[in-house]
Amino acid sequence: MLAGFTFEWKNIIELAAVVVVWTLMFLFFVRKKSLKLLALYTVVFLLYIGVSVCDRLYALPLAKDAMLLPVIFMTVALVVVYQSDLKVIFFNLSKHSDKGSSQDDQLSDDELRIAVDEIIRACQTMSKARTGALIVLAPTTVPQHILETGVPLGALVSSPLLESIFNTKAPIHDGAVIIKGNRLLAAGCFLPLSETQSVSKTLGTRHRAGIGITEESDMLTIIISEETGIISIAQRGELHRYVTPDRLRDILHKTLHISQLTKHRSL
């Protein structure tokens, strides 16, 4: 029965590739806590391997081709459903080649703490005045395609500058500002909108944009509602509303790895 079956080096390579793919898939689904999908994909995966082995032994090309169809379908479905997670993976793999971070790594805690205080001061003022704002903080690197949608600045972060940018009479007040370290890199930037259905329909484009950029990068966004003045934080695709200034300070200190956090709880 096994007379026509030969075990070669290419079979070892194929087997190693299969094990690597299945291991990555297993870790991905466990991380997403999607155990039912993991079981379904595992069954299809094992069936495909079984049919492939039978094809080698008994020459069943039609069965192998038929089994290939659900494999392709489920692969495409995986990409569509988890596209946000895949964007994060690709961003993390390529972030070291994006716009520089070496200069910002040299900033002291005091310089970063001053920048945080300026951001919080601006948020408090705009919240009281019900001025809509979208502030993006990049802990590591900034995707070049996001910066190119706005106006480059390269200025030190300051409360008056942030308030003037989001003044309703300013031509770029509807976009987002991008902050890296203690520098305001660009203003008036356009961000990808979140497509998740869990976002409340009462929230507008500004909140969806603030959530959207955190779904595909490690950035953190501060959103100030124009209607209510409520300060919100978006991080890792999740929105946290009614953020107080003290809590905001803790969150930013933790995100920027600044020592001596305050006693208030962070995310």
C-alpha atoms as a PDB file:
ATOM      1  CA  MET A   1       0.000   0.000   0.000  1.00  0.00           C
ATOM      2  CA  LEU A   2       2.863   2.383   0.768  1.00  0.00           C
ATOM      3  CA  ALA A   3       5.084   1.169  -2.072  1.00  0.00           C
ATOM      4  CA  GLY A   4       4.758   4.383  -4.068  1.00  0.00           C
ATOM      5  CA  PHE A   5       5.294   6.641  -1.087  1.00  0.00           C
ATOM      6  CA  THR A   6       8.781   8.137  -0.703  1.00  0.00           C
ATOM      7  CA  PHE A   7       9.887  10.420   2.118  1.00  0.00           C
ATOM      8  CA  GLU A   8      12.207  13.166   0.880  1.00  0.00           C
ATOM      9  CA  TRP A   9      13.728  16.378   2.233  1.00  0.00           C
ATOM     10  CA  LYS A  10      10.992  18.433   0.605  1.00  0.00           C
ATOM     11  CA  ASN A  11       8.478  16.491   2.681  1.00  0.00           C
ATOM     12  CA  ILE A  12      10.307  17.543   5.843  1.00  0.00           C
ATOM     13  CA  ILE A  13      10.248  21.172   4.698  1.00  0.00           C
ATOM     14  CA  GLU A  14       6.534  20.954   3.889  1.00  0.00           C
ATOM     15  CA  LEU A  15       5.820  19.360   7.272  1.00  0.00           C
ATOM     16  CA  ALA A  16       7.834  22.062   9.072  1.00  0.00           C
ATOM     17  CA  ALA A  17       5.929  24.779   7.189  1.00  0.00           C
ATOM     18  CA  VAL A  18       2.617  23.176   8.135  1.00  0.00           C
ATOM     19  CA  VAL A  19       3.608  22.995  11.807  1.00  0.00           C
ATOM     20  CA  VAL A  20       4.743  26.649  11.816  1.00  0.00           C
ATOM     21  CA  VAL A  21       1.522  27.861  10.150  1.00  0.00           C
ATOM     22  CA  TRP A  22      -0.681  25.861  12.492  1.00  0.00           C
ATOM     23  CA  THR A  23       1.277  27.044  15.552  1.00  0.00           C
ATOM     24  CA  LEU A  24       0.930  30.707  14.509  1.00  0.00           C
ATOM     25  CA  MET A  25      -2.770  30.180  13.865  1.00  0.00           C
ATOM     26  CA  PHE A  26      -3.183  28.471  17.245  1.00  0.00           C
ATOM     27  CA  LEU A  27      -1.442  31.318  19.099  1.00  0.00           C
ATOM     28  CA  PHE A  28      -3.454  33.951  17.189  1.00  0.00           C
ATOM     29  CA  PHE A  29      -6.838  32.395  18.020  1.00  0.00           C
ATOM     30  CA  VAL A  30      -5.877  31.751  21.642  1.00  0.00           C
ATOM     31  CA  ARG A  31      -4.830  35.402  21.982  1.00  0.00           C
ATOM     32  CA  LYS A  32      -8.188  36.463  20.494  1.00  0.00           C
ATOM     33  CA  LYS A  33      -9.979  33.944  22.763  1.00  0.00           C
ATOM     34  CA  SER A  34     -11.759  32.516  19.707  1.00  0.00           C
ATOM     35  CA  LEU A  35     -11.633  28.859  20.702  1.00  0.00           C
ATOM     36  CA  LYS A  36     -14.605  27.839  18.508  1.00  0.00           C
ATOM     37  CA  LEU A  37     -12.936  29.280  15.434  1.00  0.00           C
ATOM     38  CA  LEU A  38      -9.700  27.589  16.467  1.00  0.00           C
ATOM     39  CA  ALA A  39     -11.491  24.226  16.599  1.00  0.00           C
ATOM     40  CA  LEU A  40     -13.143  24.816  13.199  1.00  0.00           C
ATOM     41  CA  TYR A  41      -9.901  25.852  11.494  1.00  0.00           C
ATOM     42  CA  THR A  42      -8.046  22.950  13.082  1.00  0.00           C
ATOM     43  CA  VAL A  43     -10.584  20.423  11.736  1.00  0.00           C
ATOM     44  CA  VAL A  44     -10.403  21.893   8.222  1.00  0.00           C
ATOM     45  CA  PHE A  45      -6.625  22.035   8.462  1.00  0.00           C
ATOM     46  CA  LEU A  46      -6.355  18.366   9.468  1.00  0.00           C
ATOM     47  CA  LEU A  47      -8.848  17.300   6.783  1.00  0.00           C
ATOM     48  CA  TYR A  48      -6.781  19.055   4.139  1.00  0.00           C
ATOM     49  CA  ILE A  49      -3.614  17.327   5.345  1.00  0.00           C
ATOM     50  CA  GLY A  50      -5.405  13.971   5.338  1.00  0.00           C
ATOM     51  CA  VAL A  51      -6.716  14.459   1.801  1.00  0.00           C
ATOM     52  CA  SER A  52      -3.260  15.571   0.634  1.00  0.00           C
ATOM     53  CA  VAL A  53      -1.714  12.391   2.050  1.00  0.00           C
ATOM     54  CA  CYS A  54      -4.403  10.268   0.407  1.00  0.00           C
ATOM     55  CA  ASP A  55      -3.726  12.060  -2.868  1.00  0.00           C
ATOM     56  CA  ARG A  56      -0.060  11.088  -2.620  1.00  0.00           C
ATOM     57  CA  LEU A  57      -0.940   7.472  -1.902  1.00  0.00           C
ATOM     58  CA  TYR A  58      -3.962   6.858  -4.152  1.00  0.00           C
ATOM     59  CA  ALA A  59      -3.838   9.757  -6.674  1.00  0.00           C
ATOM     60  CA  LEU A  60      -7.017  11.667  -5.742  1.00  0.00           C
ATOM     61  CA  PRO A  61      -6.479  15.074  -7.397  1.00  0.00           C
ATOM     62  CA  LEU A  62     -10.188  15.960  -7.526  1.00  0.00           C
ATOM     63  CA  ALA A  63     -10.603  15.389  -3.778  1.00  0.00           C
ATOM     64  CA  LYS A  64      -7.542  17.517  -3.060  1.00  0.00           C
ATOM     65  CA  ASP A  65      -8.777  20.341  -5.308  1.00  0.00           C
ATOM     66  CA  ALA A  66     -12.237  20.178  -3.709  1.00  0.00           C
ATOM     67  CA  MET A  67     -10.718  20.400  -0.236  1.00  0.00           C
ATOM     68  CA  LEU A  68      -8.597  23.344  -1.314  1.00  0.00           C
ATOM     69  CA  LEU A  69     -11.696  25.502  -1.887  1.00  0.00           C
ATOM     70  CA  PRO A  70     -12.806  25.731   1.798  1.00  0.00           C
ATOM     71  CA  VAL A  71      -9.174  26.307   2.814  1.00  0.00           C
ATOM     72  CA  ILE A  72      -8.945  29.317   0.483  1.00  0.00           C
ATOM     73  CA  PHE A  73     -12.361  30.584   1.585  1.00  0.00           C
ATOM     74  CA  MET A  74     -11.493  30.365   5.285  1.00  0.00           C
ATOM     75  CA  THR A  75      -8.121  32.036   4.701  1.00  0.00           C
ATOM     76  CA  VAL A  76      -9.791  34.994   2.966  1.00  0.00           C
ATOM     77  CA  ALA A  77     -12.429  35.143   5.717  1.00  0.00           C
ATOM     78  CA  LEU A  78      -9.684  35.245   8.343  1.00  0.00           C
ATOM     79  CA  VAL A  79      -8.036  38.210   6.611  1.00  0.00           C
ATOM     80  CA  VAL A  80     -11.348  40.087   6.286  1.00  0.00           C
ATOM     81  CA  VAL A  81     -12.566  39.502   9.843  1.00  0.00           C
ATOM     82  CA  TYR A  82      -9.234  40.184  11.538  1.00  0.00           C
ATOM     83  CA  GLN A  83      -7.870  42.851   9.190  1.00  0.00           C
ATOM     84  CA  SER A  84      -7.364  45.307  12.072  1.00  0.00           C
ATOM     85  CA  ASP A  85      -5.224  42.816  13.979  1.00  0.00           C
ATOM     86  CA  LEU A  86      -3.213  42.041  10.852  1.00  0.00           C
ATOM     87  CA  LYS A  87      -2.612  45.766  10.319  1.00  0.00           C
ATOM     88  CA  VAL A  88      -1.180  45.984  13.833  1.00  0.00           C
ATOM     89  CA  ILE A  89       1.102  43.011  13.147  1.00  0.00           C
ATOM     90  CA  PHE A  90       2.421  44.501   9.903  1.00  0.00           C
ATOM     91  CA  PHE A  91       2.830  47.912  11.542  1.00  0.00           C
ATOM     92  CA  ASN A  92       4.861  46.430  14.379  1.00  0.00           C
ATOM     93  CA  LEU A  93       7.044  44.565  11.883  1.00  0.00           C
ATOM     94  CA  SER A  94       7.741  47.678   9.844  1.00  0.00           C
ATOM     95  CA  LYS A  95       7.667  50.448  12.446  1.00  0.00           C
ATOM     96  CA  HIS A  96      11.463  50.626  12.785  1.00  0.00           C
ATOM     97  CA  SER A  97      11.661  51.797   9.189  1.00  0.00           C
ATOM     98  CA  ASP A  98       9.152  54.622   9.663  1.00  0.00           C
ATOM     99  CA  LYS A  99       9.940  58.200  10.547  1.00  0.00           C
ATOM    100  CA  GLY A 100      12.657  58.429  13.161  1.00  0.00           C
ATOM    101  CA  SER A 101      12.572  57.703  16.820  1.00  0.00           C
ATOM    102  CA  SER A 102      16.211  58.004  17.847  1.00  0.00           C
ATOM    103  CA  GLN A 103      15.972  61.679  18.728  1.00  0.00           C
ATOM    104  CA  ASP A 104      12.876  61.166  20.875  1.00  0.00           C
ATOM    105  CA  ASP A 105      14.539  58.305  22.750  1.00  0.00           C
ATOM    106  CA  GLN A 106      16.988  60.861  24.170  1.00  0.00           C
ATOM    107  CA  LEU A 107      14.265  62.946  25.837  1.00  0.00           C
ATOM    108  CA  SER A 108      14.356  63.085  29.611  1.00  0.00           C
ATOM    109  CA  ASP A 109      11.378  62.387  31.856  1.00  0.00           C
ATOM    110  CA  ASP A 110      11.214  66.075  32.715  1.00  0.00           C
ATOM    111  CA  GLU A 111      10.891  67.075  29.041  1.00  0.00           C
ATOM    112  CA  LEU A 112       8.161  64.498  28.477  1.00  0.00           C
ATOM    113  CA  ARG A 113       6.420  65.503  31.701  1.00  0.00           C
ATOM    114  CA  ILE A 114       6.301  69.141  30.547  1.00  0.00           C
ATOM    115  CA  ALA A 115       4.768  68.040  27.237  1.00  0.00           C
ATOM    116  CA  VAL A 116       2.139  65.981  29.086  1.00  0.00           C
ATOM    117  CA  ASP A 117       1.247  68.933  31.309  1.00  0.00           C
ATOM    118  CA  GLU A 118       0.810  71.138  28.235  1.00  0.00           C
ATOM    119  CA  ILE A 119      -1.450  68.569  26.607  1.00  0.00           C
ATOM    120  CA  ILE A 120      -3.584  68.221  29.737  1.00  0.00           C
ATOM    121  CA  ARG A 121      -3.835  71.990  30.145  1.00  0.00           C
ATOM    122  CA  ALA A 122      -5.042  72.320  26.561  1.00  0.00           C
ATOM    123  CA  CYS A 123      -7.533  69.467  27.006  1.00  0.00           C
ATOM    124  CA  GLN A 124      -9.014  71.074  30.108  1.00  0.00           C
ATOM    125  CA  THR A 125      -9.419  74.426  28.352  1.00  0.00           C
ATOM    126  CA  MET A 126     -10.954  72.912  25.215  1.00  0.00           C
ATOM    127  CA  SER A 127     -13.222  70.655  27.266  1.00  0.00           C
ATOM    128  CA  LYS A 128     -14.643  73.615  29.171  1.00  0.00           C
ATOM    129  CA  ALA A 129     -15.116  75.563  25.930  1.00  0.00           C
ATOM    130  CA  ARG A 130     -16.552  72.475  24.185  1.00  0.00           C
ATOM    131  CA  THR A 131     -13.986  72.684  21.440  1.00  0.00           C
ATOM    132  CA  GLY A 132     -13.685  69.445  19.496  1.00  0.00           C
ATOM    133  CA  ALA A 133     -10.178  68.014  19.343  1.00  0.00           C
ATOM    134  CA  LEU A 134      -8.344  64.882  18.226  1.00  0.00           C
ATOM    135  CA  ILE A 135      -4.811  64.431  19.592  1.00  0.00           C
ATOM    136  CA  VAL A 136      -2.715  61.409  18.616  1.00  0.00           C
ATOM    137  CA  LEU A 137       0.314  60.342  20.669  1.00  0.00           C
ATOM    138  CA  ALA A 138       2.849  57.998  19.091  1.00  0.00           C
ATOM    139  CA  PRO A 139       4.867  56.049  21.702  1.00  0.00           C
ATOM    140  CA  THR A 140       7.162  54.563  19.049  1.00  0.00           C
ATOM    141  CA  THR A 141       6.951  55.543  15.381  1.00  0.00           C
ATOM    142  CA  VAL A 142       4.523  57.368  13.111  1.00  0.00           C
ATOM    143  CA  PRO A 143       3.317  55.881   9.798  1.00  0.00           C
ATOM    144  CA  GLN A 144       4.481  58.157   7.001  1.00  0.00           C
ATOM    145  CA  HIS A 145       1.174  57.883   5.148  1.00  0.00           C
ATOM    146  CA  ILE A 146      -0.605  59.467   8.128  1.00  0.00           C
ATOM    147  CA  LEU A 147       1.812  62.401   8.365  1.00  0.00           C
ATOM    148  CA  GLU A 148       1.508  63.100   4.646  1.00  0.00           C
ATOM    149  CA  THR A 149      -2.221  63.834   4.984  1.00  0.00           C
ATOM    150  CA  GLY A 150      -1.596  66.841   7.243  1.00  0.00           C
ATOM    151  CA  VAL A 151       0.481  69.997   7.544  1.00  0.00           C
ATOM    152  CA  PRO A 152       4.029  69.404   8.886  1.00  0.00           C
ATOM    153  CA  LEU A 153       4.924  71.500  11.941  1.00  0.00           C
ATOM    154  CA  GLY A 154       7.761  70.052  14.029  1.00  0.00           C
ATOM    155  CA  ALA A 155       7.042  72.476  16.893  1.00  0.00           C
ATOM    156  CA  LEU A 156       7.345  71.967  20.619  1.00  0.00           C
ATOM    157  CA  VAL A 157       4.081  70.897  22.227  1.00  0.00           C
ATOM    158  CA  SER A 158       2.338  73.777  24.004  1.00  0.00           C
ATOM    159  CA  SER A 159      -1.151  74.446  25.254  1.00  0.00           C
ATOM    160  CA  PRO A 160      -1.638  77.682  23.246  1.00  0.00           C
ATOM    161  CA  LEU A 161      -0.526  75.961  20.041  1.00  0.00           C
ATOM    162  CA  LEU A 162      -2.956  73.060  20.495  1.00  0.00           C
ATOM    163  CA  GLU A 163      -5.809  75.405  21.347  1.00  0.00           C
ATOM    164  CA  SER A 164      -5.124  77.563  18.287  1.00  0.00           C
ATOM    165  CA  ILE A 165      -5.026  74.539  15.978  1.00  0.00           C
ATOM    166  CA  PHE A 166      -8.435  73.315  17.138  1.00  0.00           C
ATOM    167  CA  ASN A 167     -10.019  76.752  17.105  1.00  0.00           C
ATOM    168  CA  THR A 168     -13.084  76.414  14.883  1.00  0.00           C
ATOM    169  CA  LYS A 169     -11.827  79.271  12.713  1.00  0.00           C
ATOM    170  CA  ALA A 170      -8.552  77.485  11.994  1.00  0.00           C
ATOM    171  CA  PRO A 171      -8.457  75.802   8.543  1.00  0.00           C
ATOM    172  CA  ILE A 172      -7.097  72.521   9.949  1.00  0.00           C
ATOM    173  CA  HIS A 173      -9.221  72.202  13.096  1.00  0.00           C
ATOM    174  CA  ASP A 174     -11.170  69.182  11.784  1.00  0.00           C
ATOM    175  CA  GLY A 175      -8.102  66.974  11.449  1.00  0.00           C
ATOM    176  CA  ALA A 176      -5.878  65.304  14.026  1.00  0.00           C
ATOM    177  CA  VAL A 177      -2.574  66.462  15.468  1.00  0.00           C
ATOM    178  CA  ILE A 178       0.257  63.942  15.713  1.00  0.00           C
ATOM    179  CA  ILE A 179       2.583  64.202  18.729  1.00  0.00           C
ATOM    180  CA  LYS A 180       5.817  62.254  19.105  1.00  0.00           C
ATOM    181  CA  GLY A 181       7.771  62.843  22.305  1.00  0.00           C
ATOM    182  CA  ASN A 182       7.526  66.569  22.987  1.00  0.00           C
ATOM    183  CA  ARG A 183       7.117  67.528  19.318  1.00  0.00           C
ATOM    184  CA  LEU A 184       3.949  68.253  17.395  1.00  0.00           C
ATOM    185  CA  LEU A 185       4.848  66.660  14.060  1.00  0.00           C
ATOM    186  CA  ALA A 186       1.778  67.525  11.998  1.00  0.00           C
ATOM    187  CA  ALA A 187      -1.740  68.914  12.195  1.00  0.00           C
ATOM    188  CA  GLY A 188      -4.872  68.465  10.129  1.00  0.00           C
ATOM    189  CA  CYS A 189      -4.126  64.778   9.538  1.00  0.00           C
ATOM    190  CA  PHE A 190      -6.767  62.347   8.313  1.00  0.00           C
ATOM    191  CA  LEU A 191      -7.115  59.069  10.198  1.00  0.00           C
ATOM    192  CA  PRO A 192      -8.748  55.780   9.188  1.00  0.00           C
ATOM    193  CA  LEU A 193     -12.258  55.365  10.586  1.00  0.00           C
ATOM    194  CA  SER A 194     -13.075  52.413  12.793  1.00  0.00           C
ATOM    195  CA  GLU A 195     -15.444  49.911  11.207  1.00  0.00           C
ATOM    196  CA  THR A 196     -16.279  48.071  14.407  1.00  0.00           C
ATOM    197  CA  GLN A 197     -19.966  47.748  15.172  1.00  0.00           C
ATOM    198  CA  SER A 198     -19.417  48.147  18.923  1.00  0.00           C
ATOM    199  CA  VAL A 199     -18.916  51.918  18.642  1.00  0.00           C
ATOM    200  CA  SER A 200     -22.026  53.780  19.797  1.00  0.00           C
ATOM    201  CA  LYS A 201     -23.998  55.358  16.956  1.00  0.00           C
ATOM    202  CA  THR A 202     -24.229  58.537  19.041  1.00  0.00           C
ATOM    203  CA  LEU A 203     -20.505  59.092  18.522  1.00  0.00           C
ATOM    204  CA  GLY A 204     -19.384  60.976  15.441  1.00  0.00           C
ATOM    205  CA  THR A 205     -16.561  60.829  12.932  1.00  0.00           C
ATOM    206  CA  ARG A 206     -13.994  62.279  15.344  1.00  0.00           C
ATOM    207  CA  HIS A 207     -14.440  59.403  17.785  1.00  0.00           C
ATOM    208  CA  ARG A 208     -14.422  56.775  15.022  1.00  0.00           C
ATOM    209  CA  ALA A 209     -11.204  58.227  13.646  1.00  0.00           C
ATOM    210  CA  GLY A 210      -9.686  58.275  17.125  1.00  0.00           C
ATOM    211  CA  ILE A 211     -10.510  54.605  17.607  1.00  0.00           C
ATOM    212  CA  GLY A 212      -9.563  53.619  14.064  1.00  0.00           C
ATOM    213  CA  ILE A 213      -5.903  54.634  14.252  1.00  0.00           C
ATOM    214  CA  THR A 214      -5.441  52.660  17.487  1.00  0.00           C
ATOM    215  CA  GLU A 215      -6.805  49.520  15.814  1.00  0.00           C
ATOM    216  CA  GLU A 216      -3.889  49.425  13.376  1.00  0.00           C
ATOM    217  CA  SER A 217      -1.042  50.887  15.439  1.00  0.00           C
ATOM    218  CA  ASP A 218       0.222  51.307  18.996  1.00  0.00           C
ATOM    219  CA  MET A 219      -0.877  54.947  19.094  1.00  0.00           C
ATOM    220  CA  LEU A 220      -3.073  56.527  21.746  1.00  0.00           C
ATOM    221  CA  THR A 221      -5.666  59.182  20.972  1.00  0.00           C
ATOM    222  CA  ILE A 222      -7.328  61.855  23.072  1.00  0.00           C
ATOM    223  CA  ILE A 223     -10.766  62.880  21.820  1.00  0.00           C
ATOM    224  CA  ILE A 224     -12.695  65.898  23.070  1.00  0.00           C
ATOM    225  CA  SER A 225     -16.358  66.014  22.142  1.00  0.00           C
ATOM    226  CA  GLU A 226     -17.553  69.229  20.531  1.00  0.00           C
ATOM    227  CA  GLU A 227     -21.106  68.614  21.728  1.00  0.00           C
ATOM    228  CA  THR A 228     -20.467  67.674  25.368  1.00  0.00           C
ATOM    229  CA  GLY A 229     -16.844  68.555  26.119  1.00  0.00           C
ATOM    230  CA  ILE A 230     -16.262  64.988  27.385  1.00  0.00           C
ATOM    231  CA  ILE A 231     -12.635  63.847  27.250  1.00  0.00           C
ATOM    232  CA  SER A 232     -12.152  60.299  25.945  1.00  0.00           C
ATOM    233  CA  ILE A 233      -9.144  58.051  25.420  1.00  0.00           C
ATOM    234  CA  ALA A 234      -8.804  55.446  22.671  1.00  0.00           C
ATOM    235  CA  GLN A 235      -6.153  52.759  22.993  1.00  0.00           C
ATOM    236  CA  ARG A 236      -5.812  49.297  21.422  1.00  0.00           C
ATOM    237  CA  GLY A 237      -9.155  49.793  19.669  1.00  0.00           C
ATOM    238  CA  GLU A 238     -11.058  50.485  22.901  1.00  0.00           C
ATOM    239  CA  LEU A 239     -12.698  53.778  23.866  1.00  0.00           C
ATOM    240  CA  HIS A 240     -12.723  55.042  27.466  1.00  0.00           C
ATOM    241  CA  ARG A 241     -14.929  58.068  28.123  1.00  0.00           C
ATOM    242  CA  TYR A 242     -15.198  60.587  30.976  1.00  0.00           C
ATOM    243  CA  VAL A 243     -11.446  60.671  31.562  1.00  0.00           C
ATOM    244  CA  THR A 244     -10.435  63.104  34.309  1.00  0.00           C
ATOM    245  CA  PRO A 245      -7.264  65.238  34.047  1.00  0.00           C
ATOM    246  CA  ASP A 246      -5.528  63.217  36.772  1.00  0.00           C
ATOM    247  CA  ARG A 247      -6.373  59.920  35.120  1.00  0.00           C
ATOM    248  CA  LEU A 248      -5.299  61.320  31.759  1.00  0.00           C
ATOM    249  CA  ARG A 249      -1.932  62.261  33.279  1.00  0.00           C
ATOM    250  CA  ASP A 250      -1.435  58.729  34.568  1.00  0.00           C
ATOM    251  CA  ILE A 251      -2.336  57.217  31.209  1.00  0.00           C
ATOM    252  CA  LEU A 252       0.068  59.468  29.316  1.00  0.00           C
ATOM    253  CA  HIS A 253       2.859  58.860  31.844  1.00  0.00           C
ATOM    254  CA  LYS A 254       2.395  55.121  31.438  1.00  0.00           C
ATOM    255  CA  THR A 255       2.226  55.322  27.639  1.00  0.00           C
ATOM    256  CA  LEU A 256       5.371  57.454  27.400  1.00  0.00           C
ATOM    257  CA  HIS A 257       7.164  55.459  30.133  1.00  0.00           C
ATOM    258  CA  ILE A 258       7.560  58.442  32.428  1.00  0.00           C
ATOM    259  CA  SER A 259       8.508  57.643  36.013  1.00  0.00           C
ATOM    260  CA  GLN A 260       6.685  58.783  39.174  1.00  0.00           C
ATOM    261  CA  LEU A 261       3.088  58.159  38.240  1.00  0.00           C
ATOM    262  CA  THR A 262       0.433  59.865  40.292  1.00  0.00           C
ATOM    263  CA  LYS A 263      -1.733  57.931  42.729  1.00  0.00           C
ATOM    264  CA  HIS A 264      -4.674  57.824  40.322  1.00  0.00           C
ATOM    265  CA  ARG A 265      -5.390  54.657  38.407  1.00  0.00           C
ATOM    266  CA  SER A 266      -4.466  54.324  34.736  1.00  0.00           C
ATOM    267  CA  LEU A 267      -5.952  52.116  32.024  1.00  0.00           C
END
